[in-house]
N, C-alpha and C. Protein backbone atom coordinates (compact mmCIF):
# COMPACT_ATOMS: atom_id res chain seq x y z
N MET A 1 81.32 117.51 102.92
CA MET A 1 80.96 117.64 101.45
C MET A 1 79.90 117.15 101.51
N HIS A 2 78.92 117.95 100.32
CA HIS A 2 77.63 117.89 100.86
C HIS A 2 77.01 116.84 99.22
N SER A 3 76.03 116.12 99.72
CA SER A 3 75.35 114.83 98.76
C SER A 3 75.91 115.05 97.36
N LYS A 4 75.37 116.55 97.17
CA LYS A 4 75.08 116.93 95.92
C LYS A 4 76.65 117.89 95.14
N ALA A 5 77.37 118.31 96.48
CA ALA A 5 78.55 118.58 95.49
C ALA A 5 79.57 117.55 95.24
N ILE A 6 79.50 116.19 96.55
CA ILE A 6 80.29 114.60 96.04
C ILE A 6 79.83 114.19 94.33
N GLU A 7 78.92 113.60 94.71
CA GLU A 7 78.28 113.48 92.89
C GLU A 7 78.75 114.35 92.05
N GLN A 8 79.05 115.76 91.97
CA GLN A 8 79.61 116.71 91.22
C GLN A 8 80.82 116.59 90.77
N TYR A 9 82.12 116.37 91.88
CA TYR A 9 83.01 116.50 92.28
C TYR A 9 83.61 114.50 91.67
N LYS A 10 82.52 113.62 91.75
CA LYS A 10 82.98 112.89 91.63
C LYS A 10 82.63 112.35 90.01
N GLN A 11 81.82 113.15 88.89
CA GLN A 11 82.00 113.12 87.59
C GLN A 11 83.17 113.60 86.96
N GLY A 12 84.05 114.25 87.83
CA GLY A 12 85.34 114.42 87.05
C GLY A 12 86.36 113.69 87.26
N LEU A 13 86.13 112.77 88.52
CA LEU A 13 87.25 111.98 87.95
C LEU A 13 87.63 110.81 87.66
N LYS A 14 88.99 110.18 87.36
CA LYS A 14 89.40 109.52 86.09
C LYS A 14 90.38 109.13 86.58
N LEU A 15 90.79 107.69 86.72
CA LEU A 15 92.33 106.57 86.79
C LEU A 15 92.72 107.17 86.59
N THR A 16 94.11 107.25 86.26
CA THR A 16 95.32 107.70 85.58
C THR A 16 95.62 106.77 84.80
N ARG A 17 96.82 106.33 84.39
CA ARG A 17 97.63 105.05 83.85
C ARG A 17 98.00 104.56 85.50
N GLU A 18 98.61 105.36 85.90
CA GLU A 18 100.02 104.26 87.38
C GLU A 18 98.28 104.01 88.11
N GLN A 19 97.24 104.69 88.47
CA GLN A 19 96.54 104.09 89.01
C GLN A 19 95.98 102.88 88.64
N ARG A 20 95.73 102.95 87.36
CA ARG A 20 95.05 101.38 86.67
C ARG A 20 95.76 100.48 87.29
N GLU A 21 97.29 100.87 86.63
CA GLU A 21 98.47 99.69 86.95
C GLU A 21 98.24 98.47 89.01
N ILE A 22 98.28 99.86 89.34
CA ILE A 22 98.27 99.61 90.65
C ILE A 22 97.29 99.46 91.52
N LEU A 23 96.21 99.59 90.25
CA LEU A 23 94.46 98.86 90.80
C LEU A 23 94.46 97.29 91.03
N ILE A 24 95.62 96.78 89.75
CA ILE A 24 95.23 95.65 89.26
C ILE A 24 95.95 94.77 89.80
N GLY A 25 97.40 95.34 90.61
CA GLY A 25 97.98 94.86 91.51
C GLY A 25 97.32 94.21 93.11
N LEU A 26 96.74 96.04 93.30
CA LEU A 26 95.84 95.10 94.97
C LEU A 26 94.58 94.65 94.45
N LEU A 27 93.92 94.26 93.78
CA LEU A 27 92.66 93.55 93.32
C LEU A 27 93.46 92.07 93.47
N LEU A 28 94.67 91.64 92.53
CA LEU A 28 95.13 90.65 92.86
C LEU A 28 95.14 90.17 93.87
N GLY A 29 95.60 90.97 95.45
CA GLY A 29 96.15 90.73 96.56
C GLY A 29 94.42 91.03 97.48
N ASP A 30 94.90 92.15 98.19
CA ASP A 30 94.26 91.93 99.03
C ASP A 30 92.72 93.38 99.29
N ALA A 31 93.56 94.01 98.62
CA ALA A 31 92.57 95.07 98.18
C ALA A 31 90.81 94.37 97.89
N HIS A 32 89.73 94.78 97.88
CA HIS A 32 88.62 94.44 97.43
C HIS A 32 87.19 95.69 96.70
N LEU A 33 86.72 95.44 96.10
CA LEU A 33 85.07 96.27 96.02
C LEU A 33 84.45 95.49 96.75
N GLU A 34 83.32 96.74 96.94
CA GLU A 34 81.93 96.41 97.41
C GLU A 34 81.23 97.54 96.79
N THR A 35 79.73 97.08 96.17
CA THR A 35 79.26 97.91 95.74
C THR A 35 77.49 98.51 97.72
N GLN A 36 76.99 99.11 97.18
CA GLN A 36 75.77 100.07 98.14
C GLN A 36 74.67 99.39 97.31
N ASN A 37 74.91 99.74 95.96
CA ASN A 37 73.64 100.17 95.14
C ASN A 37 73.96 98.66 93.53
N GLY A 38 73.41 97.89 94.07
CA GLY A 38 73.33 96.58 93.21
C GLY A 38 74.49 96.03 91.83
N GLY A 39 75.81 97.00 92.68
CA GLY A 39 76.03 97.08 91.57
C GLY A 39 76.54 98.24 90.48
N ARG A 40 75.83 99.40 90.44
CA ARG A 40 75.50 100.30 89.34
C ARG A 40 77.12 101.19 89.36
N THR A 41 77.57 100.98 91.00
CA THR A 41 78.71 102.03 91.13
C THR A 41 79.49 100.88 91.83
N TYR A 42 81.10 101.05 91.89
CA TYR A 42 81.45 100.49 93.31
C TYR A 42 82.70 101.59 93.94
N ARG A 43 83.28 100.53 95.31
CA ARG A 43 84.63 101.42 95.61
C ARG A 43 85.38 100.43 96.20
N LEU A 44 86.65 101.00 96.24
CA LEU A 44 87.86 100.30 96.75
C LEU A 44 87.85 100.11 98.16
N LYS A 45 88.06 99.21 98.73
CA LYS A 45 88.81 99.37 100.25
C LYS A 45 89.74 99.03 100.00
N ILE A 46 90.80 99.06 101.20
CA ILE A 46 92.17 99.07 101.66
C ILE A 46 92.19 98.85 102.86
N GLU A 47 93.15 97.28 103.23
CA GLU A 47 92.57 97.50 104.81
C GLU A 47 94.36 96.64 104.90
N GLN A 48 95.10 97.25 106.37
CA GLN A 48 96.10 96.29 106.03
C GLN A 48 96.38 96.57 107.65
N SER A 49 97.31 95.92 107.91
CA SER A 49 97.95 95.35 109.88
C SER A 49 98.28 96.81 110.24
N GLU A 50 98.82 96.89 111.58
CA GLU A 50 98.73 98.15 111.79
C GLU A 50 100.09 98.57 111.37
N ALA A 51 101.36 97.01 111.04
CA ALA A 51 102.72 97.37 110.63
C ALA A 51 103.02 97.78 109.20
N HIS A 52 101.65 97.76 108.37
CA HIS A 52 101.94 97.52 107.34
C HIS A 52 101.09 99.53 106.72
N GLN A 53 101.07 100.72 107.75
CA GLN A 53 100.52 101.49 108.25
C GLN A 53 101.31 102.88 106.99
N ALA A 54 102.66 102.37 106.71
CA ALA A 54 103.12 103.60 105.94
C ALA A 54 102.31 103.11 104.65
N TYR A 55 102.53 101.99 104.25
CA TYR A 55 102.17 101.04 103.28
C TYR A 55 100.55 101.53 102.78
N VAL A 56 99.68 101.44 104.08
CA VAL A 56 98.08 102.05 103.46
C VAL A 56 98.27 104.12 102.98
N GLU A 57 98.87 104.25 104.28
CA GLU A 57 99.43 106.08 103.48
C GLU A 57 100.12 106.39 102.69
N HIS A 58 100.76 104.98 102.46
CA HIS A 58 101.14 105.96 100.46
C HIS A 58 100.01 104.99 99.60
N LEU A 59 99.20 104.16 99.78
CA LEU A 59 98.46 104.13 98.74
C LEU A 59 96.89 105.30 98.91
N TYR A 60 97.35 105.93 100.26
CA TYR A 60 96.32 106.87 99.88
C TYR A 60 96.60 108.01 99.35
N GLU A 61 97.72 108.46 99.27
CA GLU A 61 98.44 109.43 98.87
C GLU A 61 97.96 108.92 97.12
N VAL A 62 98.26 107.38 96.43
CA VAL A 62 98.10 107.49 95.28
C VAL A 62 96.96 107.61 94.73
N PHE A 63 95.79 107.48 95.34
CA PHE A 63 94.32 107.55 95.33
C PHE A 63 93.56 108.31 96.19
N LYS A 64 94.64 109.86 96.71
CA LYS A 64 93.73 110.62 96.89
C LYS A 64 92.58 111.42 96.70
N GLN A 65 92.97 111.62 95.58
CA GLN A 65 91.67 112.34 95.19
C GLN A 65 90.46 111.52 95.28
N TRP A 66 90.46 110.59 94.68
CA TRP A 66 89.56 109.15 95.16
C TRP A 66 88.80 108.96 96.41
N VAL A 67 89.44 109.48 97.58
CA VAL A 67 89.72 109.44 99.09
C VAL A 67 89.30 110.53 99.50
N LEU A 68 87.98 110.64 100.00
CA LEU A 68 87.10 111.95 100.96
C LEU A 68 87.71 111.44 102.45
N THR A 69 88.13 110.64 103.15
CA THR A 69 88.44 110.34 104.26
C THR A 69 89.91 109.58 104.68
N PRO A 70 90.60 110.16 105.29
CA PRO A 70 92.32 109.47 105.40
C PRO A 70 91.98 108.25 106.23
N PRO A 71 93.18 107.50 105.93
CA PRO A 71 93.34 106.26 106.74
C PRO A 71 92.89 106.52 108.06
N GLN A 72 92.44 105.73 108.29
CA GLN A 72 91.84 105.19 110.00
C GLN A 72 92.12 104.34 110.81
N PRO A 73 92.61 103.95 111.95
CA PRO A 73 92.44 103.09 112.28
C PRO A 73 91.54 102.11 112.70
N LYS A 74 91.43 100.78 113.25
CA LYS A 74 90.14 99.68 113.60
C LYS A 74 90.95 98.79 114.03
N GLU A 75 89.94 98.70 115.63
CA GLU A 75 90.51 97.48 116.20
C GLU A 75 89.51 96.46 115.83
N LYS A 76 90.25 95.20 116.02
CA LYS A 76 89.90 94.06 115.14
C LYS A 76 89.85 93.12 117.26
N ARG A 77 89.00 92.56 117.26
CA ARG A 77 89.07 91.61 118.12
C ARG A 77 89.06 89.57 117.60
N CYS A 78 89.84 89.13 118.03
CA CYS A 78 89.78 87.15 118.14
C CYS A 78 90.31 86.76 118.83
N GLN A 79 89.29 85.47 119.39
CA GLN A 79 89.62 84.89 121.00
C GLN A 79 90.29 85.35 121.63
N GLY A 80 89.58 87.04 122.06
CA GLY A 80 90.31 87.54 123.04
C GLY A 80 91.68 88.39 122.62
N TYR A 81 91.84 88.09 121.23
CA TYR A 81 93.26 89.08 121.14
C TYR A 81 92.98 90.26 120.63
N VAL A 82 93.52 91.60 120.96
CA VAL A 82 92.45 92.89 120.11
C VAL A 82 93.99 93.19 119.37
N SER A 83 94.19 93.50 118.27
CA SER A 83 95.03 94.03 117.53
C SER A 83 94.23 94.94 116.62
N ARG A 84 95.19 96.14 115.50
CA ARG A 84 94.45 97.01 114.56
C ARG A 84 94.99 96.79 113.46
N ASN A 85 94.09 97.43 112.93
CA ASN A 85 94.95 97.85 111.35
C ASN A 85 94.16 98.99 110.72
N TRP A 86 94.77 99.57 109.65
CA TRP A 86 94.77 101.06 109.31
C TRP A 86 94.15 100.85 108.24
N TRP A 87 92.98 101.34 107.15
CA TRP A 87 91.79 100.79 106.52
C TRP A 87 91.27 102.73 106.00
N PHE A 88 91.59 102.56 104.37
CA PHE A 88 90.34 103.95 103.82
C PHE A 88 89.78 103.23 102.74
N GLN A 89 88.69 104.13 102.20
CA GLN A 89 87.99 103.24 101.05
C GLN A 89 88.00 104.63 100.18
N THR A 90 88.03 104.52 99.01
CA THR A 90 87.36 105.86 97.99
C THR A 90 86.05 106.15 98.41
N VAL A 91 85.52 106.84 97.05
CA VAL A 91 83.96 106.85 96.54
C VAL A 91 83.41 105.58 95.93
N SER A 92 82.30 105.93 95.63
CA SER A 92 81.47 104.99 94.90
C SER A 92 81.57 105.44 93.44
N HIS A 93 81.66 104.53 92.62
CA HIS A 93 81.67 105.76 91.39
C HIS A 93 81.42 104.36 89.95
N ARG A 94 81.50 104.20 88.99
CA ARG A 94 80.85 103.99 87.79
C ARG A 94 82.01 103.13 87.24
N THR A 95 83.25 103.71 87.34
CA THR A 95 84.68 103.91 86.66
C THR A 95 84.99 102.03 87.62
N LEU A 96 84.52 101.73 88.45
CA LEU A 96 85.47 100.64 89.30
C LEU A 96 84.40 99.30 88.94
N ARG A 97 83.07 99.41 88.17
CA ARG A 97 82.83 98.82 87.81
C ARG A 97 83.21 97.88 87.06
N PHE A 98 83.31 98.22 85.57
CA PHE A 98 84.28 97.57 85.34
C PHE A 98 85.43 96.65 85.77
N TYR A 99 85.77 97.04 86.86
CA TYR A 99 86.94 96.26 87.58
C TYR A 99 86.77 94.94 88.08
N ALA A 100 85.04 95.66 88.97
CA ALA A 100 84.41 94.46 89.85
C ALA A 100 84.14 93.14 89.13
N HIS A 101 83.90 93.66 86.96
CA HIS A 101 83.19 92.30 86.48
C HIS A 101 84.00 91.72 86.04
N GLN A 102 85.42 91.94 86.32
CA GLN A 102 86.75 91.19 85.79
C GLN A 102 86.71 90.44 87.08
N PHE A 103 87.21 91.24 88.00
CA PHE A 103 87.46 90.44 89.54
C PHE A 103 86.46 89.48 89.95
N TYR A 104 85.50 89.80 89.53
CA TYR A 104 84.06 89.18 90.35
C TYR A 104 83.13 88.09 89.83
N ARG A 105 83.24 87.06 90.36
CA ARG A 105 82.40 85.81 89.67
C ARG A 105 80.75 85.19 90.84
N LYS A 106 80.12 85.90 90.89
CA LYS A 106 79.16 84.89 91.28
C LYS A 106 79.85 84.94 93.11
N GLY A 107 80.10 87.08 92.83
CA GLY A 107 80.67 87.13 94.38
C GLY A 107 81.86 86.82 94.76
N ARG A 108 82.66 86.36 94.24
CA ARG A 108 84.23 85.42 94.65
C ARG A 108 84.94 85.99 93.78
N LYS A 109 86.12 86.84 94.66
CA LYS A 109 87.15 87.73 93.72
C LYS A 109 88.01 86.47 93.64
N CYS A 110 88.15 86.36 92.01
CA CYS A 110 88.75 85.64 90.99
C CYS A 110 89.88 86.81 89.93
N VAL A 111 90.83 85.45 89.51
CA VAL A 111 91.67 86.39 88.53
C VAL A 111 90.74 86.39 86.78
N PRO A 112 91.35 87.72 86.77
CA PRO A 112 90.09 87.90 85.20
C PRO A 112 91.20 87.06 84.06
N HIS A 113 90.59 87.11 82.95
CA HIS A 113 90.72 85.96 81.52
C HIS A 113 92.15 86.58 81.09
N LEU A 114 91.75 88.20 80.69
CA LEU A 114 92.79 89.07 80.45
C LEU A 114 94.27 89.75 81.37
N ILE A 115 94.41 88.85 82.69
CA ILE A 115 95.48 89.12 83.32
C ILE A 115 96.51 89.44 82.21
N HIS A 116 96.88 88.70 81.27
CA HIS A 116 98.19 88.51 80.51
C HIS A 116 98.09 90.22 80.30
N LEU A 117 97.10 90.66 79.68
CA LEU A 117 97.06 91.80 79.35
C LEU A 117 97.77 92.71 79.94
N TRP A 118 96.84 92.54 81.39
CA TRP A 118 97.10 94.05 82.74
C TRP A 118 97.98 93.66 83.47
N LEU A 119 98.87 92.72 83.75
CA LEU A 119 99.85 92.84 84.41
C LEU A 119 101.19 93.17 84.20
N THR A 120 101.55 94.21 84.70
CA THR A 120 102.44 95.11 84.23
C THR A 120 104.03 94.49 85.70
N PRO A 121 104.97 95.23 85.15
CA PRO A 121 105.70 95.35 86.24
C PRO A 121 105.11 96.09 87.53
N HIS A 122 104.82 96.93 86.79
CA HIS A 122 104.27 97.82 88.26
C HIS A 122 103.27 97.57 88.90
N ALA A 123 102.19 96.73 88.16
CA ALA A 123 101.18 96.08 89.12
C ALA A 123 101.63 94.98 89.47
N LEU A 124 102.68 94.31 89.12
CA LEU A 124 103.46 93.20 89.56
C LEU A 124 103.75 92.95 90.84
N SER A 125 103.95 94.63 91.24
CA SER A 125 105.05 95.09 93.09
C SER A 125 103.90 95.03 93.64
N TYR A 126 103.15 95.47 93.41
CA TYR A 126 102.09 95.82 94.24
C TYR A 126 101.28 94.83 95.13
N TRP A 127 101.07 94.12 93.82
CA TRP A 127 100.37 92.75 93.97
C TRP A 127 102.07 91.91 94.93
N PHE A 128 102.29 92.18 94.77
CA PHE A 128 104.06 91.95 96.15
C PHE A 128 103.83 92.34 97.05
N MET A 129 103.37 93.62 97.32
CA MET A 129 103.89 94.29 98.73
C MET A 129 102.55 93.53 98.92
N ASP A 130 101.53 93.74 98.00
CA ASP A 130 99.98 92.89 98.85
C ASP A 130 100.09 91.69 99.60
N ASP A 131 100.87 90.67 98.77
CA ASP A 131 100.74 89.61 99.07
C ASP A 131 101.71 88.42 99.05
N GLY A 132 102.77 88.80 98.82
CA GLY A 132 103.91 88.59 98.88
C GLY A 132 104.80 88.28 99.61
N SER A 133 105.46 87.11 99.99
CA SER A 133 106.97 87.67 100.85
C SER A 133 108.15 86.23 100.49
N ILE A 134 108.87 86.41 101.88
CA ILE A 134 110.31 85.50 101.40
C ILE A 134 110.07 84.13 101.99
N LYS A 135 110.10 82.90 100.58
CA LYS A 135 110.39 82.00 100.73
C LYS A 135 110.75 81.36 102.89
N SER A 136 112.08 81.70 102.56
CA SER A 136 112.80 81.94 104.29
C SER A 136 113.60 82.19 103.86
N LYS A 137 114.50 82.23 105.18
CA LYS A 137 115.77 83.30 105.67
C LYS A 137 116.80 82.78 104.71
N GLN A 138 117.27 82.07 104.64
CA GLN A 138 118.19 80.88 103.38
C GLN A 138 117.95 80.35 101.51
N SER A 139 117.12 81.78 101.36
CA SER A 139 116.11 81.41 100.01
C SER A 139 116.28 82.83 99.60
N LYS A 140 115.90 82.69 98.43
CA LYS A 140 116.10 83.60 97.47
C LYS A 140 115.15 83.27 96.03
N GLY A 141 114.05 83.00 96.63
CA GLY A 141 112.74 82.30 96.04
C GLY A 141 112.08 83.49 96.69
N VAL A 142 110.57 83.72 96.67
CA VAL A 142 108.79 84.30 96.93
C VAL A 142 108.02 83.79 96.71
N ILE A 143 107.07 83.86 97.82
CA ILE A 143 105.83 83.61 97.80
C ILE A 143 105.27 84.33 97.14
N PHE A 144 104.04 83.91 96.88
CA PHE A 144 102.55 84.80 96.24
C PHE A 144 100.95 84.22 97.31
N ASN A 145 100.62 84.93 97.93
CA ASN A 145 100.06 83.57 99.01
C ASN A 145 98.38 83.42 98.12
N THR A 146 98.35 82.76 96.95
CA THR A 146 97.14 82.93 96.20
C THR A 146 96.16 81.74 96.69
N GLN A 147 96.53 81.78 98.10
CA GLN A 147 95.28 80.27 98.92
C GLN A 147 93.80 80.92 98.11
N GLY A 148 93.16 81.56 98.22
CA GLY A 148 92.13 82.01 96.91
C GLY A 148 91.88 81.74 96.50
N TYR A 149 92.51 81.92 95.24
CA TYR A 149 92.13 81.49 94.04
C TYR A 149 91.88 80.57 93.70
N THR A 150 91.58 79.00 93.08
CA THR A 150 91.13 77.76 92.51
C THR A 150 93.06 77.80 92.06
N LEU A 151 92.48 76.27 91.60
CA LEU A 151 94.08 76.00 91.24
C LEU A 151 94.18 76.55 90.08
N GLY A 152 92.88 75.95 88.11
CA GLY A 152 93.19 76.49 87.51
C GLY A 152 93.73 78.44 87.53
N GLU A 153 93.62 79.29 88.51
CA GLU A 153 93.67 80.77 87.98
C GLU A 153 94.36 80.58 88.89
N VAL A 154 95.37 79.88 89.06
CA VAL A 154 96.88 80.20 90.34
C VAL A 154 97.81 79.51 89.06
N GLU A 155 97.49 78.08 88.24
CA GLU A 155 97.91 78.56 86.76
C GLU A 155 98.14 79.51 85.65
N LEU A 156 97.06 80.45 85.30
CA LEU A 156 96.81 81.41 84.95
C LEU A 156 97.73 82.31 85.06
N LEU A 157 97.57 82.49 86.12
CA LEU A 157 98.95 83.55 87.03
C LEU A 157 100.57 82.97 86.66
N ILE A 158 100.50 81.95 86.91
CA ILE A 158 102.05 80.81 86.85
C ILE A 158 102.76 81.66 85.51
N SER A 159 101.18 80.71 84.58
CA SER A 159 101.39 80.84 83.20
C SER A 159 101.95 82.60 82.33
N VAL A 160 101.77 83.82 82.70
CA VAL A 160 101.86 85.21 82.91
C VAL A 160 102.83 85.25 83.74
N LEU A 161 103.56 84.71 84.41
CA LEU A 161 104.15 85.63 85.14
C LEU A 161 105.90 84.53 84.35
N GLU A 162 105.63 83.48 83.76
CA GLU A 162 106.31 82.19 83.13
C GLU A 162 106.80 83.68 81.69
N GLU A 163 105.56 83.82 81.00
CA GLU A 163 105.63 83.68 79.27
C GLU A 163 105.53 85.48 79.16
N ARG A 164 105.36 86.22 80.04
CA ARG A 164 105.47 87.61 79.99
C ARG A 164 106.46 88.53 80.72
N PHE A 165 106.94 87.63 81.76
CA PHE A 165 108.10 87.89 82.66
C PHE A 165 109.19 87.10 82.44
N GLY A 166 108.57 85.86 81.99
CA GLY A 166 110.27 84.90 81.62
C GLY A 166 110.98 84.64 83.01
N LEU A 167 109.99 84.72 84.49
CA LEU A 167 110.44 83.90 85.56
C LEU A 167 109.97 82.22 86.18
N HIS A 168 110.61 81.34 86.64
CA HIS A 168 110.29 80.14 87.39
C HIS A 168 109.64 80.82 87.86
N ALA A 169 108.34 79.37 87.66
CA ALA A 169 106.93 79.64 89.05
C ALA A 169 106.62 78.20 88.89
N LYS A 170 105.71 77.88 89.85
CA LYS A 170 105.49 76.79 90.17
C LYS A 170 104.29 76.31 91.74
N SER A 171 103.21 75.66 90.76
CA SER A 171 102.36 76.32 93.10
C SER A 171 102.71 75.19 93.85
N ARG A 172 102.27 75.57 94.63
CA ARG A 172 102.88 74.87 95.84
C ARG A 172 101.35 74.48 96.77
N ARG A 173 101.09 73.76 96.72
CA ARG A 173 99.94 73.19 97.88
C ARG A 173 99.80 73.62 99.44
N GLN A 174 98.74 73.90 99.47
CA GLN A 174 98.70 74.22 101.06
C GLN A 174 97.24 73.57 101.84
N LYS A 175 97.74 73.70 103.27
CA LYS A 175 96.29 73.81 103.62
C LYS A 175 94.88 74.78 103.22
N GLU A 176 95.42 75.98 102.87
CA GLU A 176 94.43 77.00 103.09
C GLU A 176 93.84 76.72 101.00
N GLY A 177 94.81 76.12 100.61
CA GLY A 177 95.15 76.46 98.85
C GLY A 177 96.44 76.41 98.40
N TYR A 178 96.39 76.87 97.45
CA TYR A 178 98.04 77.23 96.36
C TYR A 178 98.04 78.16 96.30
N GLN A 179 99.94 77.85 96.27
CA GLN A 179 100.20 79.49 96.85
C GLN A 179 101.51 79.77 94.99
N ILE A 180 101.97 80.35 95.02
CA ILE A 180 102.62 80.50 93.57
C ILE A 180 104.02 80.64 94.03
N TYR A 181 105.00 80.16 94.11
CA TYR A 181 106.49 80.10 94.55
C TYR A 181 107.29 80.47 93.25
N ILE A 182 108.24 81.95 93.30
CA ILE A 182 108.94 81.92 92.31
C ILE A 182 110.47 81.84 92.49
N SER A 183 110.46 80.82 92.30
CA SER A 183 112.79 80.21 92.58
C SER A 183 113.18 81.46 92.27
N GLY A 184 113.75 81.16 93.42
CA GLY A 184 115.76 81.61 94.05
C GLY A 184 116.20 82.08 92.02
N LYS A 185 116.03 80.73 91.34
CA LYS A 185 117.11 81.10 90.17
C LYS A 185 116.45 82.08 89.06
N SER A 186 115.13 82.68 89.36
CA SER A 186 114.67 83.90 88.72
C SER A 186 114.43 85.18 89.54
N TYR A 187 115.41 84.98 91.03
CA TYR A 187 115.73 86.35 92.04
C TYR A 187 116.34 87.70 90.26
N GLU A 188 117.75 87.89 89.65
CA GLU A 188 117.66 88.63 89.64
C GLU A 188 116.68 89.58 88.52
N ARG A 189 115.87 88.79 88.27
CA ARG A 189 115.32 89.12 87.32
C ARG A 189 114.28 89.89 87.87
N PHE A 190 113.04 89.04 88.91
CA PHE A 190 112.19 89.10 89.67
C PHE A 190 112.06 90.62 90.20
N ARG A 191 113.69 90.86 90.97
CA ARG A 191 114.12 92.53 91.46
C ARG A 191 113.69 93.31 91.08
N GLU A 192 114.98 92.91 89.61
CA GLU A 192 114.56 93.86 88.26
C GLU A 192 113.73 94.37 87.63
N LEU A 193 112.37 93.50 88.15
CA LEU A 193 111.01 93.98 88.46
C LEU A 193 110.38 95.07 88.89
N ILE A 194 110.71 94.78 89.69
CA ILE A 194 109.61 95.40 90.78
C ILE A 194 110.76 96.02 92.28
N GLU A 195 111.53 96.11 92.19
CA GLU A 195 112.33 97.39 92.54
C GLU A 195 111.67 98.33 92.84
N PRO A 196 112.00 99.10 91.50
CA PRO A 196 112.24 100.82 91.13
C PRO A 196 110.20 101.01 91.78
N TYR A 197 109.95 100.31 92.22
CA TYR A 197 108.41 100.20 92.75
C TYR A 197 107.77 100.11 94.21
N LEU A 198 108.54 99.71 95.21
CA LEU A 198 108.73 99.37 96.16
C LEU A 198 108.79 100.53 97.77
N ILE A 199 108.14 100.65 98.34
CA ILE A 199 107.86 101.66 99.40
C ILE A 199 109.21 101.06 100.16
N ASP A 200 110.36 101.54 100.80
CA ASP A 200 110.72 100.89 101.82
C ASP A 200 110.14 100.54 102.85
N ASN A 201 109.31 100.82 103.36
CA ASN A 201 108.56 99.92 104.34
C ASN A 201 108.33 98.44 104.02
N MET A 202 107.97 98.20 102.68
CA MET A 202 108.06 96.91 102.12
C MET A 202 108.75 96.25 101.96
N ARG A 203 110.23 96.41 101.67
CA ARG A 203 111.52 95.82 100.66
C ARG A 203 112.14 94.94 101.71
N TYR A 204 111.23 94.90 103.20
CA TYR A 204 111.39 93.44 103.86
C TYR A 204 111.32 92.07 103.38
N LYS A 205 110.03 92.21 102.47
CA LYS A 205 109.70 91.21 101.26
C LYS A 205 110.72 90.73 100.23
N LEU A 206 111.43 91.32 99.79
CA LEU A 206 112.03 90.84 98.78
C LEU A 206 113.58 90.30 99.54
N PRO A 207 113.96 89.13 99.18
CA PRO A 207 115.03 88.45 99.70
C PRO A 207 116.53 89.62 99.19
N SER A 208 117.06 89.49 100.26
CA SER A 208 118.62 90.09 100.12
C SER A 208 119.76 89.71 99.20
N ALA A 209 120.44 90.20 98.27
CA ALA A 209 121.23 89.90 97.58
C ALA A 209 122.43 89.15 98.18
N ARG A 210 122.51 87.93 97.93
CA ARG A 210 123.35 86.83 98.63
C ARG A 210 123.76 85.66 97.54
N GLN A 211 124.14 85.32 98.27
CA GLN A 211 124.42 83.42 98.02
C GLN A 211 123.81 82.47 98.87
N THR A 212 123.71 81.50 98.50
CA THR A 212 122.63 80.59 98.92
C THR A 212 123.58 79.19 99.26
N GLN A 213 124.40 79.84 98.68
CA GLN A 213 125.68 78.24 99.13
C GLN A 213 126.71 78.47 99.36
N LEU A 214 127.56 77.83 99.23
CA LEU A 214 128.64 78.56 100.21
C LEU A 214 130.12 77.80 98.44
N PRO A 215 131.09 79.17 98.29
CA PRO A 215 131.24 78.49 96.75
C PRO A 215 132.09 77.82 97.32
N LYS A 216 132.63 76.81 95.59
CA LYS A 216 133.68 75.37 96.26
C LYS A 216 135.07 76.16 96.45
N ARG A 217 135.77 75.50 96.95
CA ARG A 217 137.81 75.49 97.03
C ARG A 217 138.31 74.98 96.13
């Protein structure tokens, strides 16, 4: 597609409600926005490990009309070890500038002040698929890997999880920063919120429905 045709095509693009909610969750997680023209327009970039190729392909289908090239593999080398990621990016668009202004401050990704208005169960599920994991095989608790955020931002997210969704959450200090831990006490509520949106490839992140203690005799 020639550049003039691309510009004409982009004029007709508009985020749907589903795409906006998913975008919020992705930006809380691993996705990022980048600009090539001093902030006039931005593009969304998605990149995950090869183990999550199906998830990347799912996200491509979600944003397909915004993407010119399907997901591609990329080799990464680190200390002599070669791995492969899958990635794609959207076209650059002025619509994404709003989200860049909310999620970035002085070049650093941050938690928007209005996240309490934007974090829906749909967004929560994609945030979890991006950045969540089980605490352990013996626990019903789950972890959000929020080490890139400040403690104040983590506490803001915790307040939203507690007040908007009724989840028992707290921060956990790690070497790299702070995680969010959602207690196993909230297992049923958490599962109820996100399960309708989980894709099969990412269900392994959700603890199984099981007892964590032996029944009393």
